[in-house]
Amino acid sequence: MEWADWTQVMRGRVYGADHEDAGPRPDRVYGELVGGPLDGLLLDITGRPEPELRAGVELRTEIGAHGPGGRARYALRAGRGRYLDWREDLR
């Protein structure tokens, strides 16, 4: 499968959710990850304080610049909306 095909498969899936049930749930609040290795995934932000999201959250990923054990940092976009923009890959 081509990389572009995989990005479409991952869209709308929730980061960290079980592969068998990776869709969003109606009782949760989600932000969309934009750019970087987790582009298109949804992040459950239910109950997370806005200042924490603006400062940035580090998420484990094996497909970032540092491979297995790496992390990607995403931060809430300025203004209204629920988009978290990729900032950097970390070890």
PDB file of N, CA and C in Angstrom:
ATOM      1  N   MET A   1       0.852  -1.179   0.000  1.00  0.00           N
ATOM      2  CA  MET A   1       0.000   0.000   0.000  1.00  0.00           C
ATOM      3  C   MET A   1       0.898   1.243   0.000  1.00  0.00           C
ATOM      4  N   GLU A   2       0.567   2.216  -0.796  1.00  0.00           N
ATOM      5  CA  GLU A   2       1.329   3.461  -0.882  1.00  0.00           C
ATOM      6  C   GLU A   2       1.113   4.312   0.364  1.00  0.00           C
ATOM      7  N   TRP A   3       2.092   5.199   0.669  1.00  0.00           N
ATOM      8  CA  TRP A   3       2.001   6.087   1.837  1.00  0.00           C
ATOM      9  C   TRP A   3       0.717   6.915   1.796  1.00  0.00           C
ATOM     10  N   ALA A   4       0.370   7.465   0.642  1.00  0.00           N
ATOM     11  CA  ALA A   4      -0.839   8.296   0.524  1.00  0.00           C
ATOM     12  C   ALA A   4      -2.087   7.490   0.898  1.00  0.00           C
ATOM     13  N   ASP A   5      -2.107   6.215   0.547  1.00  0.00           N
ATOM     14  CA  ASP A   5      -3.241   5.361   0.904  1.00  0.00           C
ATOM     15  C   ASP A   5      -3.341   5.197   2.423  1.00  0.00           C
ATOM     16  N   TRP A   6      -2.191   5.026   3.095  1.00  0.00           N
ATOM     17  CA  TRP A   6      -2.188   4.861   4.554  1.00  0.00           C
ATOM     18  C   TRP A   6      -2.706   6.100   5.251  1.00  0.00           C
ATOM     19  N   THR A   7      -2.392   7.289   4.723  1.00  0.00           N
ATOM     20  CA  THR A   7      -2.878   8.510   5.372  1.00  0.00           C
ATOM     21  C   THR A   7      -4.396   8.569   5.335  1.00  0.00           C
ATOM     22  N   GLN A   8      -5.000   8.076   4.277  1.00  0.00           N
ATOM     23  CA  GLN A   8      -6.460   8.059   4.192  1.00  0.00           C
ATOM     24  C   GLN A   8      -7.054   7.030   5.150  1.00  0.00           C
ATOM     25  N   VAL A   9      -6.381   5.887   5.317  1.00  0.00           N
ATOM     26  CA  VAL A   9      -6.854   4.855   6.236  1.00  0.00           C
ATOM     27  C   VAL A   9      -6.878   5.395   7.661  1.00  0.00           C
ATOM     28  N   MET A  10      -5.868   6.189   8.035  1.00  0.00           N
ATOM     29  CA  MET A  10      -5.724   6.673   9.408  1.00  0.00           C
ATOM     30  C   MET A  10      -6.657   7.830   9.736  1.00  0.00           C
ATOM     31  N   ARG A  11      -7.122   8.588   8.771  1.00  0.00           N
ATOM     32  CA  ARG A  11      -7.982   9.743   9.049  1.00  0.00           C
ATOM     33  C   ARG A  11      -9.237   9.330   9.803  1.00  0.00           C
ATOM     34  N   GLY A  12      -9.579  10.133  10.822  1.00  0.00           N
ATOM     35  CA  GLY A  12     -10.778   9.871  11.605  1.00  0.00           C
ATOM     36  C   GLY A  12     -10.588   8.844  12.703  1.00  0.00           C
ATOM     37  N   ARG A  13      -9.389   8.294  12.820  1.00  0.00           N
ATOM     38  CA  ARG A  13      -9.094   7.332  13.884  1.00  0.00           C
ATOM     39  C   ARG A  13      -8.575   8.093  15.092  1.00  0.00           C
ATOM     40  N   VAL A  14      -8.798   7.547  16.267  1.00  0.00           N
ATOM     41  CA  VAL A  14      -8.393   8.192  17.505  1.00  0.00           C
ATOM     42  C   VAL A  14      -7.017   7.692  17.931  1.00  0.00           C
ATOM     43  N   TYR A  15      -6.123   8.631  18.184  1.00  0.00           N
ATOM     44  CA  TYR A  15      -4.771   8.305  18.646  1.00  0.00           C
ATOM     45  C   TYR A  15      -4.854   7.494  19.939  1.00  0.00           C
ATOM     46  N   GLY A  16      -4.145   6.380  19.988  1.00  0.00           N
ATOM     47  CA  GLY A  16      -4.084   5.563  21.191  1.00  0.00           C
ATOM     48  C   GLY A  16      -5.250   4.614  21.395  1.00  0.00           C
ATOM     49  N   ALA A  17      -6.245   4.653  20.513  1.00  0.00           N
ATOM     50  CA  ALA A  17      -7.417   3.782  20.663  1.00  0.00           C
ATOM     51  C   ALA A  17      -7.099   2.376  20.160  1.00  0.00           C
ATOM     52  N   ASP A  18      -7.838   1.413  20.634  1.00  0.00           N
ATOM     53  CA  ASP A  18      -7.724   0.032  20.193  1.00  0.00           C
ATOM     54  C   ASP A  18      -7.997  -0.028  18.691  1.00  0.00           C
ATOM     55  N   HIS A  19      -7.203  -0.799  17.973  1.00  0.00           N
ATOM     56  CA  HIS A  19      -7.346  -0.885  16.515  1.00  0.00           C
ATOM     57  C   HIS A  19      -8.717  -1.393  16.077  1.00  0.00           C
ATOM     58  N   GLU A  20      -9.330  -2.213  16.899  1.00  0.00           N
ATOM     59  CA  GLU A  20     -10.630  -2.766  16.546  1.00  0.00           C
ATOM     60  C   GLU A  20     -11.755  -1.742  16.709  1.00  0.00           C
ATOM     61  N   ASP A  21     -11.533  -0.734  17.536  1.00  0.00           N
ATOM     62  CA  ASP A  21     -12.569   0.270  17.817  1.00  0.00           C
ATOM     63  C   ASP A  21     -11.912   1.639  17.895  1.00  0.00           C
ATOM     64  N   ALA A  22     -11.342   2.097  16.790  1.00  0.00           N
ATOM     65  CA  ALA A  22     -10.539   3.323  16.786  1.00  0.00           C
ATOM     66  C   ALA A  22     -11.324   4.578  16.418  1.00  0.00           C
ATOM     67  N   GLY A  23     -12.620   4.463  16.252  1.00  0.00           N
ATOM     68  CA  GLY A  23     -13.414   5.628  15.898  1.00  0.00           C
ATOM     69  C   GLY A  23     -13.743   6.493  17.096  1.00  0.00           C
ATOM     70  N   PRO A  24     -14.133   7.739  16.834  1.00  0.00           N
ATOM     71  CA  PRO A  24     -14.496   8.642  17.932  1.00  0.00           C
ATOM     72  C   PRO A  24     -15.790   8.206  18.621  1.00  0.00           C
ATOM     73  N   ARG A  25     -15.921   8.602  19.874  1.00  0.00           N
ATOM     74  CA  ARG A  25     -17.120   8.293  20.667  1.00  0.00           C
ATOM     75  C   ARG A  25     -17.907   9.590  20.885  1.00  0.00           C
ATOM     76  N   PRO A  26     -19.216   9.509  20.898  1.00  0.00           N
ATOM     77  CA  PRO A  26     -20.035  10.718  20.991  1.00  0.00           C
ATOM     78  C   PRO A  26     -19.907  11.479  22.312  1.00  0.00           C
ATOM     79  N   ASP A  27     -19.471  10.817  23.375  1.00  0.00           N
ATOM     80  CA  ASP A  27     -19.391  11.476  24.681  1.00  0.00           C
ATOM     81  C   ASP A  27     -18.013  12.083  24.954  1.00  0.00           C
ATOM     82  N   ARG A  28     -17.146  12.136  23.964  1.00  0.00           N
ATOM     83  CA  ARG A  28     -15.784  12.645  24.131  1.00  0.00           C
ATOM     84  C   ARG A  28     -15.576  13.864  23.236  1.00  0.00           C
ATOM     85  N   VAL A  29     -14.552  14.682  23.563  1.00  0.00           N
ATOM     86  CA  VAL A  29     -14.183  15.857  22.776  1.00  0.00           C
ATOM     87  C   VAL A  29     -12.831  15.558  22.129  1.00  0.00           C
ATOM     88  N   TYR A  30     -12.724  15.837  20.840  1.00  0.00           N
ATOM     89  CA  TYR A  30     -11.506  15.516  20.102  1.00  0.00           C
ATOM     90  C   TYR A  30     -10.924  16.741  19.418  1.00  0.00           C
ATOM     91  N   GLY A  31      -9.603  16.720  19.296  1.00  0.00           N
ATOM     92  CA  GLY A  31      -8.887  17.683  18.488  1.00  0.00           C
ATOM     93  C   GLY A  31      -8.244  16.929  17.335  1.00  0.00           C
ATOM     94  N   GLU A  32      -8.091  17.589  16.194  1.00  0.00           N
ATOM     95  CA  GLU A  32      -7.466  16.942  15.049  1.00  0.00           C
ATOM     96  C   GLU A  32      -5.991  17.290  14.999  1.00  0.00           C
ATOM     97  N   LEU A  33      -5.140  16.269  14.863  1.00  0.00           N
ATOM     98  CA  LEU A  33      -3.701  16.467  14.735  1.00  0.00           C
ATOM     99  C   LEU A  33      -3.395  16.839  13.289  1.00  0.00           C
ATOM    100  N   VAL A  34      -2.640  17.927  13.119  1.00  0.00           N
ATOM    101  CA  VAL A  34      -2.384  18.465  11.783  1.00  0.00           C
ATOM    102  C   VAL A  34      -0.877  18.496  11.528  1.00  0.00           C
ATOM    103  N   GLY A  35      -0.452  17.846  10.467  1.00  0.00           N
ATOM    104  CA  GLY A  35       0.956  17.810  10.098  1.00  0.00           C
ATOM    105  C   GLY A  35       1.704  16.746  10.880  1.00  0.00           C
ATOM    106  N   GLY A  36       2.975  16.575  10.557  1.00  0.00           N
ATOM    107  CA  GLY A  36       3.809  15.621  11.267  1.00  0.00           C
ATOM    108  C   GLY A  36       3.375  14.181  11.061  1.00  0.00           C
ATOM    109  N   PRO A  37       3.940  13.274  11.848  1.00  0.00           N
ATOM    110  CA  PRO A  37       3.694  11.850  11.639  1.00  0.00           C
ATOM    111  C   PRO A  37       2.289  11.382  11.999  1.00  0.00           C
ATOM    112  N   LEU A  38       1.561  12.138  12.785  1.00  0.00           N
ATOM    113  CA  LEU A  38       0.218  11.715  13.219  1.00  0.00           C
ATOM    114  C   LEU A  38      -0.893  12.502  12.536  1.00  0.00           C
ATOM    115  N   ASP A  39      -0.556  13.138  11.433  1.00  0.00           N
ATOM    116  CA  ASP A  39      -1.505  13.969  10.683  1.00  0.00           C
ATOM    117  C   ASP A  39      -2.817  13.230  10.417  1.00  0.00           C
ATOM    118  N   GLY A  40      -3.920  13.881  10.735  1.00  0.00           N
ATOM    119  CA  GLY A  40      -5.236  13.328  10.457  1.00  0.00           C
ATOM    120  C   GLY A  40      -5.842  12.515  11.584  1.00  0.00           C
ATOM    121  N   LEU A  41      -5.038  12.110  12.558  1.00  0.00           N
ATOM    122  CA  LEU A  41      -5.588  11.377  13.694  1.00  0.00           C
ATOM    123  C   LEU A  41      -6.324  12.337  14.626  1.00  0.00           C
ATOM    124  N   LEU A  42      -7.240  11.803  15.397  1.00  0.00           N
ATOM    125  CA  LEU A  42      -7.947  12.584  16.400  1.00  0.00           C
ATOM    126  C   LEU A  42      -7.326  12.308  17.761  1.00  0.00           C
ATOM    127  N   LEU A  43      -7.259  13.331  18.603  1.00  0.00           N
ATOM    128  CA  LEU A  43      -6.733  13.192  19.950  1.00  0.00           C
ATOM    129  C   LEU A  43      -7.862  13.495  20.932  1.00  0.00           C
ATOM    130  N   ASP A  44      -8.093  12.593  21.857  1.00  0.00           N
ATOM    131  CA  ASP A  44      -9.115  12.804  22.886  1.00  0.00           C
ATOM    132  C   ASP A  44      -8.604  13.897  23.832  1.00  0.00           C
ATOM    133  N   ILE A  45      -9.278  15.041  23.828  1.00  0.00           N
ATOM    134  CA  ILE A  45      -8.867  16.167  24.666  1.00  0.00           C
ATOM    135  C   ILE A  45      -9.894  16.444  25.769  1.00  0.00           C
ATOM    136  N   THR A  46     -10.794  15.511  25.988  1.00  0.00           N
ATOM    137  CA  THR A  46     -11.819  15.657  27.014  1.00  0.00           C
ATOM    138  C   THR A  46     -11.176  15.950  28.370  1.00  0.00           C
ATOM    139  N   GLY A  47     -11.554  17.069  28.971  1.00  0.00           N
ATOM    140  CA  GLY A  47     -11.072  17.413  30.306  1.00  0.00           C
ATOM    141  C   GLY A  47      -9.660  17.979  30.367  1.00  0.00           C
ATOM    142  N   ARG A  48      -8.966  18.066  29.266  1.00  0.00           N
ATOM    143  CA  ARG A  48      -7.611  18.638  29.299  1.00  0.00           C
ATOM    144  C   ARG A  48      -7.711  20.156  29.317  1.00  0.00           C
ATOM    145  N   PRO A  49      -6.985  20.816  30.190  1.00  0.00           N
ATOM    146  CA  PRO A  49      -7.039  22.283  30.252  1.00  0.00           C
ATOM    147  C   PRO A  49      -6.440  22.918  28.983  1.00  0.00           C
ATOM    148  N   GLU A  50      -7.078  23.983  28.544  1.00  0.00           N
ATOM    149  CA  GLU A  50      -6.612  24.667  27.334  1.00  0.00           C
ATOM    150  C   GLU A  50      -5.144  25.105  27.434  1.00  0.00           C
ATOM    151  N   PRO A  51      -4.685  25.661  28.574  1.00  0.00           N
ATOM    152  CA  PRO A  51      -3.269  26.052  28.661  1.00  0.00           C
ATOM    153  C   PRO A  51      -2.306  24.884  28.411  1.00  0.00           C
ATOM    154  N   GLU A  52      -2.677  23.703  28.885  1.00  0.00           N
ATOM    155  CA  GLU A  52      -1.850  22.517  28.645  1.00  0.00           C
ATOM    156  C   GLU A  52      -1.774  22.210  27.153  1.00  0.00           C
ATOM    157  N   LEU A  53      -2.908  22.288  26.465  1.00  0.00           N
ATOM    158  CA  LEU A  53      -2.945  22.009  25.032  1.00  0.00           C
ATOM    159  C   LEU A  53      -2.182  23.075  24.239  1.00  0.00           C
ATOM    160  N   ARG A  54      -2.254  24.321  24.679  1.00  0.00           N
ATOM    161  CA  ARG A  54      -1.522  25.395  23.991  1.00  0.00           C
ATOM    162  C   ARG A  54      -0.013  25.254  24.183  1.00  0.00           C
ATOM    163  N   ALA A  55       0.396  24.779  25.368  1.00  0.00           N
ATOM    164  CA  ALA A  55       1.826  24.561  25.635  1.00  0.00           C
ATOM    165  C   ALA A  55       2.362  23.395  24.810  1.00  0.00           C
ATOM    166  N   GLY A  56       1.510  22.441  24.527  1.00  0.00           N
ATOM    167  CA  GLY A  56       1.903  21.309  23.697  1.00  0.00           C
ATOM    168  C   GLY A  56       1.852  19.993  24.438  1.00  0.00           C
ATOM    169  N   VAL A  57       1.476  18.959  23.721  1.00  0.00           N
ATOM    170  CA  VAL A  57       1.432  17.607  24.270  1.00  0.00           C
ATOM    171  C   VAL A  57       2.393  16.741  23.464  1.00  0.00           C
ATOM    172  N   GLU A  58       3.087  15.855  24.151  1.00  0.00           N
ATOM    173  CA  GLU A  58       4.015  14.942  23.503  1.00  0.00           C
ATOM    174  C   GLU A  58       3.351  13.581  23.375  1.00  0.00           C
ATOM    175  N   LEU A  59       3.333  13.067  22.156  1.00  0.00           N
ATOM    176  CA  LEU A  59       2.653  11.807  21.872  1.00  0.00           C
ATOM    177  C   LEU A  59       3.646  10.800  21.314  1.00  0.00           C
ATOM    178  N   ARG A  60       3.619   9.593  21.828  1.00  0.00           N
ATOM    179  CA  ARG A  60       4.500   8.544  21.315  1.00  0.00           C
ATOM    180  C   ARG A  60       4.121   8.195  19.887  1.00  0.00           C
ATOM    181  N   THR A  61       5.163   7.966  19.076  1.00  0.00           N
ATOM    182  CA  THR A  61       4.933   7.500  17.720  1.00  0.00           C
ATOM    183  C   THR A  61       6.151   6.756  17.224  1.00  0.00           C
ATOM    184  N   GLU A  62       5.920   5.708  16.483  1.00  0.00           N
ATOM    185  CA  GLU A  62       7.017   4.941  15.898  1.00  0.00           C
ATOM    186  C   GLU A  62       7.303   5.386  14.473  1.00  0.00           C
ATOM    187  N   ILE A  63       6.496   6.305  13.943  1.00  0.00           N
ATOM    188  CA  ILE A  63       6.667   6.699  12.550  1.00  0.00           C
ATOM    189  C   ILE A  63       7.215   8.115  12.403  1.00  0.00           C
ATOM    190  N   GLY A  64       7.723   8.689  13.485  1.00  0.00           N
ATOM    191  CA  GLY A  64       8.328  10.010  13.432  1.00  0.00           C
ATOM    192  C   GLY A  64       9.785   9.935  13.001  1.00  0.00           C
ATOM    193  N   ALA A  65      10.459  11.043  13.066  1.00  0.00           N
ATOM    194  CA  ALA A  65      11.858  11.142  12.632  1.00  0.00           C
ATOM    195  C   ALA A  65      12.790  10.251  13.433  1.00  0.00           C
ATOM    196  N   HIS A  66      12.424   9.906  14.665  1.00  0.00           N
ATOM    197  CA  HIS A  66      13.310   9.134  15.535  1.00  0.00           C
ATOM    198  C   HIS A  66      12.911   7.665  15.660  1.00  0.00           C
ATOM    199  N   GLY A  67      11.932   7.239  14.877  1.00  0.00           N
ATOM    200  CA  GLY A  67      11.542   5.834  14.861  1.00  0.00           C
ATOM    201  C   GLY A  67      10.945   5.366  16.180  1.00  0.00           C
ATOM    202  N   PRO A  68      11.027   4.053  16.441  1.00  0.00           N
ATOM    203  CA  PRO A  68      10.459   3.499  17.673  1.00  0.00           C
ATOM    204  C   PRO A  68      11.005   4.205  18.913  1.00  0.00           C
ATOM    205  N   GLY A  69      10.113   4.529  19.825  1.00  0.00           N
ATOM    206  CA  GLY A  69      10.502   5.233  21.035  1.00  0.00           C
ATOM    207  C   GLY A  69      10.470   6.746  20.896  1.00  0.00           C
ATOM    208  N   GLY A  70      10.214   7.236  19.692  1.00  0.00           N
ATOM    209  CA  GLY A  70      10.158   8.682  19.466  1.00  0.00           C
ATOM    210  C   GLY A  70       8.817   9.270  19.874  1.00  0.00           C
ATOM    211  N   ARG A  71       8.779  10.585  19.912  1.00  0.00           N
ATOM    212  CA  ARG A  71       7.548  11.301  20.247  1.00  0.00           C
ATOM    213  C   ARG A  71       7.371  12.457  19.267  1.00  0.00           C
ATOM    214  N   ALA A  72       6.162  12.912  19.144  1.00  0.00           N
ATOM    215  CA  ALA A  72       5.846  14.092  18.342  1.00  0.00           C
ATOM    216  C   ALA A  72       5.121  15.072  19.249  1.00  0.00           C
ATOM    217  N   ARG A  73       5.494  16.352  19.150  1.00  0.00           N
ATOM    218  CA  ARG A  73       4.843  17.379  19.972  1.00  0.00           C
ATOM    219  C   ARG A  73       3.857  18.145  19.112  1.00  0.00           C
ATOM    220  N   TYR A  74       2.630  18.261  19.620  1.00  0.00           N
ATOM    221  CA  TYR A  74       1.548  19.002  18.967  1.00  0.00           C
ATOM    222  C   TYR A  74       1.025  20.050  19.941  1.00  0.00           C
ATOM    223  N   ALA A  75       0.642  21.214  19.413  1.00  0.00           N
ATOM    224  CA  ALA A  75       0.110  22.283  20.259  1.00  0.00           C
ATOM    225  C   ALA A  75      -1.165  22.842  19.636  1.00  0.00           C
ATOM    226  N   LEU A  76      -2.094  23.221  20.500  1.00  0.00           N
ATOM    227  CA  LEU A  76      -3.367  23.780  20.057  1.00  0.00           C
ATOM    228  C   LEU A  76      -3.126  25.038  19.238  1.00  0.00           C
ATOM    229  N   ARG A  77      -3.748  25.110  18.100  1.00  0.00           N
ATOM    230  CA  ARG A  77      -3.638  26.253  17.191  1.00  0.00           C
ATOM    231  C   ARG A  77      -4.252  27.488  17.827  1.00  0.00           C
ATOM    232  N   ALA A  78      -3.637  28.642  17.608  1.00  0.00           N
ATOM    233  CA  ALA A  78      -4.171  29.911  18.117  1.00  0.00           C
ATOM    234  C   ALA A  78      -5.547  30.171  17.511  1.00  0.00           C
ATOM    235  N   GLY A  79      -6.394  30.831  18.267  1.00  0.00           N
ATOM    236  CA  GLY A  79      -7.744  31.132  17.793  1.00  0.00           C
ATOM    237  C   GLY A  79      -8.709  30.032  18.188  1.00  0.00           C
ATOM    238  N   ARG A  80      -9.841  30.033  17.546  1.00  0.00           N
ATOM    239  CA  ARG A  80     -10.868  29.054  17.874  1.00  0.00           C
ATOM    240  C   ARG A  80     -10.676  27.800  17.035  1.00  0.00           C
ATOM    241  N   GLY A  81     -11.241  26.746  17.486  1.00  0.00           N
ATOM    242  CA  GLY A  81     -11.133  25.480  16.763  1.00  0.00           C
ATOM    243  C   GLY A  81     -10.395  24.443  17.578  1.00  0.00           C
ATOM    244  N   ARG A  82     -10.396  23.257  17.077  1.00  0.00           N
ATOM    245  CA  ARG A  82      -9.779  22.145  17.801  1.00  0.00           C
ATOM    246  C   ARG A  82      -8.720  21.479  16.939  1.00  0.00           C
ATOM    247  N   TYR A  83      -7.776  22.276  16.466  1.00  0.00           N
ATOM    248  CA  TYR A  83      -6.670  21.757  15.681  1.00  0.00           C
ATOM    249  C   TYR A  83      -5.391  21.855  16.489  1.00  0.00           C
ATOM    250  N   LEU A  84      -4.631  20.766  16.521  1.00  0.00           N
ATOM    251  CA  LEU A  84      -3.339  20.751  17.193  1.00  0.00           C
ATOM    252  C   LEU A  84      -2.276  20.596  16.114  1.00  0.00           C
ATOM    253  N   ASP A  85      -1.443  21.608  15.956  1.00  0.00           N
ATOM    254  CA  ASP A  85      -0.436  21.617  14.904  1.00  0.00           C
ATOM    255  C   ASP A  85       0.855  20.957  15.376  1.00  0.00           C
ATOM    256  N   TRP A  86       1.481  20.204  14.465  1.00  0.00           N
ATOM    257  CA  TRP A  86       2.744  19.559  14.752  1.00  0.00           C
ATOM    258  C   TRP A  86       3.812  20.620  14.956  1.00  0.00           C
ATOM    259  N   ARG A  87       4.646  20.438  15.974  1.00  0.00           N
ATOM    260  CA  ARG A  87       5.729  21.367  16.285  1.00  0.00           C
ATOM    261  C   ARG A  87       7.102  20.751  16.042  1.00  0.00           C
ATOM    262  N   GLU A  88       7.281  19.488  16.482  1.00  0.00           N
ATOM    263  CA  GLU A  88       8.588  18.847  16.318  1.00  0.00           C
ATOM    264  C   GLU A  88       8.509  17.380  16.688  1.00  0.00           C
ATOM    265  N   ASP A  89       9.498  16.627  16.198  1.00  0.00           N
ATOM    266  CA  ASP A  89       9.694  15.250  16.624  1.00  0.00           C
ATOM    267  C   ASP A  89      10.765  15.254  17.699  1.00  0.00           C
ATOM    268  N   LEU A  90      10.597  14.417  18.701  1.00  0.00           N
ATOM    269  CA  LEU A  90      11.505  14.345  19.841  1.00  0.00           C
ATOM    270  C   LEU A  90      11.974  12.907  20.062  1.00  0.00           C
ATOM    271  N   ARG A  91      13.108  12.764  20.712  1.00  0.00           N
ATOM    272  CA  ARG A  91      13.601  11.425  21.079  1.00  0.00           C
ATOM    273  C   ARG A  91      12.926  10.960  22.348  1.00  0.00           C
TER     274      ARG A  91
END
